[in-house]
Amino acid sequence: MATMANEPSKIKPWTRWQDWAALVLGVYVILATMWTRTSGGAISAMVVLGALLVLAAVWSLAMPGSMTSEYAHMLLGVLLFLAPWVLGYTALTGAAWTSWVVGVLAVVVGAAALPEANVAHGRGMAAGQH
């Protein structure tokens, strides 16, 4: 009888919904600069953090056992959430709310992917040790 540690991970690359959601969120933040009133700080934060979120999502999609990429989603979400206060664009309602909402959602999808990433990571480690 095979144990779970001997079974290959059932999580295939490019399939996890949480990572696709993070990708969409990153693209949305970047594109939102076109329809929301922004300033230099808002544009910089939204484009840079959105692009980094897209890169972390692609990393997670390609390597579903990477725990670090999921933590990156959550860290980028926290940075997006804090950006309106730190960079002074809370008065730009659309840009600020976009950063806050997408920041929270990025943390949520990153946290939601952690259990699956942990399983994939753990199985990969166990299989490699035999």
Protein backbone atom coordinates (compact mmCIF):
# COMPACT_ATOMS: atom_id res chain seq x y z
CA MET A 1 0.00 0.00 0.00
CA ALA A 2 1.47 3.33 -1.10
CA THR A 3 1.71 6.12 1.41
CA MET A 4 0.87 9.72 0.62
CA ALA A 5 4.55 10.66 0.85
CA ASN A 6 5.31 8.30 -2.04
CA GLU A 7 2.58 9.69 -4.29
CA PRO A 8 3.56 12.44 -6.68
CA SER A 9 1.93 15.82 -6.11
CA LYS A 10 -1.47 16.06 -7.74
CA ILE A 11 -1.11 19.81 -8.14
CA LYS A 12 -0.15 20.48 -11.72
CA PRO A 13 1.48 23.69 -12.91
CA TRP A 14 -0.78 26.36 -14.43
CA THR A 15 -3.96 25.02 -12.79
CA ARG A 16 -4.38 26.58 -9.35
CA TRP A 17 -7.22 29.15 -9.28
CA GLN A 18 -5.58 31.21 -6.55
CA ASP A 19 -2.56 31.92 -8.73
CA TRP A 20 -4.74 32.87 -11.70
CA ALA A 21 -6.65 35.20 -9.40
CA ALA A 22 -3.38 36.83 -8.29
CA LEU A 23 -2.40 37.27 -11.94
CA VAL A 24 -5.72 38.96 -12.74
CA LEU A 25 -5.39 41.19 -9.66
CA GLY A 26 -1.92 42.30 -10.70
CA VAL A 27 -3.03 43.11 -14.24
CA TYR A 28 -6.10 44.93 -12.89
CA VAL A 29 -3.98 47.17 -10.63
CA ILE A 30 -1.74 48.10 -13.54
CA LEU A 31 -4.65 48.81 -15.88
CA ALA A 32 -6.62 50.70 -13.22
CA THR A 33 -4.17 53.58 -13.60
CA MET A 34 -5.86 54.27 -16.96
CA TRP A 35 -9.37 54.84 -15.55
CA THR A 36 -8.73 56.18 -12.07
CA ARG A 37 -7.41 59.60 -11.14
CA THR A 38 -3.80 59.09 -10.08
CA SER A 39 -0.66 60.97 -9.13
CA GLY A 40 3.00 60.13 -9.57
CA GLY A 41 3.15 58.12 -6.34
CA ALA A 42 -0.08 56.27 -7.08
CA ILE A 43 0.98 55.37 -10.61
CA SER A 44 4.39 54.18 -9.44
CA ALA A 45 2.96 52.06 -6.63
CA MET A 46 0.17 50.56 -8.69
CA VAL A 47 2.31 49.74 -11.74
CA VAL A 48 5.34 48.43 -9.82
CA LEU A 49 3.41 46.42 -7.23
CA GLY A 50 0.96 45.18 -9.87
CA ALA A 51 3.83 44.01 -12.09
CA LEU A 52 5.50 42.28 -9.14
CA LEU A 53 2.20 40.59 -8.30
CA VAL A 54 1.93 39.37 -11.90
CA LEU A 55 5.49 37.99 -11.73
CA ALA A 56 4.81 36.25 -8.40
CA ALA A 57 1.61 34.76 -9.85
CA VAL A 58 3.43 33.41 -12.91
CA TRP A 59 6.08 31.98 -10.58
CA SER A 60 3.35 30.27 -8.53
CA LEU A 61 1.60 28.98 -11.63
CA ALA A 62 4.82 27.49 -13.01
CA MET A 63 6.00 26.09 -9.66
CA PRO A 64 2.93 25.21 -7.56
CA GLY A 65 5.07 23.81 -4.75
CA SER A 66 6.79 27.14 -4.09
CA MET A 67 5.81 28.45 -0.69
CA THR A 68 7.87 31.62 -1.20
CA SER A 69 5.75 32.75 -4.15
CA GLU A 70 2.58 32.54 -2.05
CA TYR A 71 4.20 34.58 0.71
CA ALA A 72 5.22 37.06 -2.01
CA HIS A 73 1.53 37.44 -2.98
CA MET A 74 0.67 38.23 0.61
CA LEU A 75 3.59 40.65 1.10
CA LEU A 76 2.72 42.50 -2.11
CA GLY A 77 -0.90 42.66 -0.97
CA VAL A 78 0.15 44.25 2.32
CA LEU A 79 2.35 46.75 0.46
CA LEU A 80 -0.51 47.62 -1.89
CA PHE A 81 -2.84 48.11 1.06
CA LEU A 82 -0.37 50.44 2.81
CA ALA A 83 0.71 52.35 -0.31
CA PRO A 84 -2.06 55.01 -0.29
CA TRP A 85 -1.04 56.14 3.20
CA VAL A 86 2.71 55.78 2.73
CA LEU A 87 2.79 57.48 -0.68
CA GLY A 88 0.07 60.00 0.12
CA TYR A 89 -2.67 59.18 -2.37
CA THR A 90 -5.58 58.53 -0.01
CA ALA A 91 -7.33 61.61 -1.45
CA LEU A 92 -7.37 59.95 -4.88
CA THR A 93 -10.37 57.82 -4.03
CA GLY A 94 -10.31 55.47 -7.02
CA ALA A 95 -6.60 54.75 -6.82
CA ALA A 96 -6.68 54.38 -3.04
CA TRP A 97 -9.66 52.02 -3.03
CA THR A 98 -8.15 49.98 -5.85
CA SER A 99 -4.96 49.57 -3.81
CA TRP A 100 -6.86 48.69 -0.64
CA VAL A 101 -9.25 46.18 -2.21
CA VAL A 102 -6.66 44.49 -4.43
CA GLY A 103 -4.21 44.45 -1.52
CA VAL A 104 -6.67 42.59 0.70
CA LEU A 105 -7.62 40.19 -2.12
CA ALA A 106 -3.95 39.46 -2.86
CA VAL A 107 -3.41 38.51 0.78
CA VAL A 108 -6.54 36.33 0.72
CA VAL A 109 -5.60 34.42 -2.47
CA GLY A 110 -2.02 34.00 -1.27
CA ALA A 111 -3.22 32.59 2.04
CA ALA A 112 -5.77 30.37 0.27
CA ALA A 113 -3.00 28.84 -1.85
CA LEU A 114 -0.69 28.09 1.08
CA PRO A 115 -2.23 24.73 2.08
CA GLU A 116 -1.95 23.34 -1.48
CA ALA A 117 1.56 24.77 -1.92
CA ASN A 118 2.56 23.22 1.40
CA VAL A 119 1.26 19.81 0.30
CA ALA A 120 3.05 20.06 -3.05
CA HIS A 121 6.23 21.27 -1.35
CA GLY A 122 6.11 18.56 1.31
CA ARG A 123 5.45 15.77 -1.14
CA GLY A 124 8.26 16.94 -3.37
CA MET A 125 10.63 16.94 -0.42
CA ALA A 126 9.52 13.51 0.78
CA ALA A 127 9.74 11.98 -2.68
CA GLY A 128 13.21 13.44 -3.19
CA GLN A 129 14.50 11.93 0.06
CA HIS A 130 13.74 8.30 -0.87
